[in-house]
Amino acid sequence: MAKTPEMVNHFLDDLRVQLAIGGAKEIAHLLDIKQEDLTSRGLEVDGNFYLWDTRFYNRIMIEKEFSLYKQEFANYFPLESTIEGMLNIFEALLGLVFIELVSEERINLSGMLFTPL
């Protein structure tokens, strides 16, 4: 635990500086991928990388450079066991307890979900 707010601010400032360097490199790399993509499709390249470009070109980068495709990746992580594993992690780390409710219990509790105990 940080002992003072100044220690927290110093930590966050240092973290911001360290992450900015890697972030700038990643944006430059994604811009290269964008320019290559636009050129290959015969579209005009304006040299800018916009926030809305991030997801599209990040996906292209992952597929191209790491040969990871979402569907193939999903085959190794079935939804049911993945959710169960995540809930177990949340229980262990955060001290939470998750209880599955059957449909009848859900109906009976639907009006009480956000009321104080």
Protein backbone atom coordinates (compact mmCIF):
# COMPACT_ATOMS: atom_id res chain seq x y z
CA MET A 1 0.00 0.00 0.00
CA ALA A 2 1.14 3.52 -0.71
CA LYS A 3 1.69 5.53 2.41
CA THR A 4 0.96 8.97 0.97
CA PRO A 5 -0.97 10.47 -1.94
CA GLU A 6 2.30 11.88 -3.24
CA MET A 7 3.71 8.35 -3.57
CA VAL A 8 0.63 7.32 -5.56
CA ASN A 9 0.91 10.35 -7.85
CA HIS A 10 4.64 9.70 -8.38
CA PHE A 11 3.90 6.06 -9.25
CA LEU A 12 1.14 7.04 -11.69
CA ASP A 13 3.29 9.71 -13.33
CA ASP A 14 6.16 7.25 -13.79
CA LEU A 15 3.76 4.64 -15.17
CA ARG A 16 2.33 7.17 -17.63
CA VAL A 17 5.82 8.04 -18.93
CA GLN A 18 6.80 4.39 -19.34
CA LEU A 19 3.55 3.45 -21.10
CA ALA A 20 3.66 6.47 -23.41
CA ILE A 21 6.90 5.27 -25.00
CA GLY A 22 5.48 1.85 -25.84
CA GLY A 23 2.15 3.36 -26.88
CA ALA A 24 3.82 5.69 -29.37
CA LYS A 25 5.72 2.75 -30.90
CA GLU A 26 2.54 0.71 -31.20
CA ILE A 27 0.62 3.57 -32.84
CA ALA A 28 3.47 4.06 -35.34
CA HIS A 29 3.38 0.34 -36.13
CA LEU A 30 -0.41 0.36 -36.56
CA LEU A 31 -0.10 3.42 -38.82
CA ASP A 32 2.32 1.46 -41.02
CA ILE A 33 -0.20 -1.39 -41.21
CA LYS A 34 -2.98 1.10 -42.07
CA GLN A 35 -0.93 2.69 -44.83
CA GLU A 36 -0.06 -0.73 -46.27
CA ASP A 37 -3.73 -1.75 -46.16
CA LEU A 38 -5.02 1.42 -47.79
CA THR A 39 -2.34 1.31 -50.49
CA SER A 40 -3.16 -2.32 -51.29
CA ARG A 41 -6.81 -1.36 -51.76
CA GLY A 42 -5.96 1.64 -53.91
CA LEU A 43 -7.25 4.14 -51.36
CA GLU A 44 -5.79 7.49 -50.40
CA VAL A 45 -3.39 7.51 -47.45
CA ASP A 46 -3.63 10.65 -45.30
CA GLY A 47 -0.87 9.69 -42.82
CA ASN A 48 -3.12 9.97 -39.78
CA PHE A 49 -4.09 7.28 -37.32
CA TYR A 50 -7.47 7.87 -35.71
CA LEU A 51 -8.95 6.41 -32.55
CA TRP A 52 -11.56 4.54 -34.59
CA ASP A 53 -8.77 2.84 -36.59
CA THR A 54 -7.40 1.11 -33.51
CA ARG A 55 -9.62 -1.98 -33.26
CA PHE A 56 -9.59 -2.72 -36.98
CA TYR A 57 -5.84 -2.45 -37.49
CA ASN A 58 -5.04 -4.06 -34.15
CA ARG A 59 -7.06 -7.10 -35.26
CA ILE A 60 -5.21 -7.17 -38.59
CA MET A 61 -1.88 -6.94 -36.75
CA ILE A 62 -2.75 -9.82 -34.42
CA GLU A 63 -3.94 -12.03 -37.27
CA LYS A 64 -0.99 -11.20 -39.50
CA GLU A 65 1.89 -11.17 -37.03
CA PHE A 66 0.77 -13.73 -34.49
CA SER A 67 -1.44 -15.95 -36.69
CA LEU A 68 -4.23 -15.72 -34.12
CA TYR A 69 -7.78 -15.83 -35.34
CA LYS A 70 -10.62 -15.29 -32.89
CA GLN A 71 -12.57 -18.35 -33.93
CA GLU A 72 -9.57 -20.65 -33.66
CA PHE A 73 -8.65 -19.09 -30.31
CA ALA A 74 -12.22 -19.53 -29.05
CA ASN A 75 -12.01 -23.27 -29.70
CA TYR A 76 -9.53 -23.55 -26.82
CA PHE A 77 -11.66 -21.51 -24.42
CA PRO A 78 -15.27 -22.76 -24.37
CA LEU A 79 -17.64 -20.14 -22.97
CA GLU A 80 -18.94 -22.20 -20.03
CA SER A 81 -15.54 -23.19 -18.61
CA THR A 82 -14.08 -19.73 -19.29
CA ILE A 83 -16.85 -17.99 -17.35
CA GLU A 84 -16.51 -20.50 -14.51
CA GLY A 85 -12.76 -19.89 -14.39
CA MET A 86 -13.19 -16.11 -14.37
CA LEU A 87 -15.72 -16.28 -11.54
CA ASN A 88 -13.34 -18.49 -9.53
CA ILE A 89 -10.58 -15.92 -10.00
CA PHE A 90 -12.90 -13.09 -8.90
CA GLU A 91 -13.91 -15.09 -5.84
CA ALA A 92 -10.29 -15.76 -4.88
CA LEU A 93 -8.97 -12.26 -5.55
CA LEU A 94 -11.89 -10.13 -4.45
CA GLY A 95 -13.54 -12.31 -1.82
CA LEU A 96 -16.79 -12.49 -3.80
CA VAL A 97 -19.23 -15.38 -3.81
CA PHE A 98 -21.26 -16.13 -6.94
CA ILE A 99 -24.45 -18.16 -6.62
CA GLU A 100 -26.33 -19.39 -9.67
CA LEU A 101 -30.05 -18.68 -9.51
CA VAL A 102 -32.55 -20.89 -11.27
CA SER A 103 -35.19 -19.13 -13.36
CA GLU A 104 -37.83 -19.14 -10.60
CA GLU A 105 -35.42 -17.54 -8.12
CA ARG A 106 -34.51 -14.88 -10.69
CA ILE A 107 -38.15 -13.90 -11.09
CA ASN A 108 -38.69 -13.67 -7.33
CA LEU A 109 -35.56 -11.55 -6.81
CA SER A 110 -35.85 -9.33 -9.87
CA GLY A 111 -37.35 -6.43 -7.94
CA MET A 112 -34.79 -6.74 -5.14
CA LEU A 113 -31.52 -6.71 -7.04
CA PHE A 114 -30.49 -3.19 -6.09
CA THR A 115 -32.23 -2.75 -2.76
CA PRO A 116 -30.20 -2.50 0.46
CA LEU A 117 -29.87 -5.62 2.58
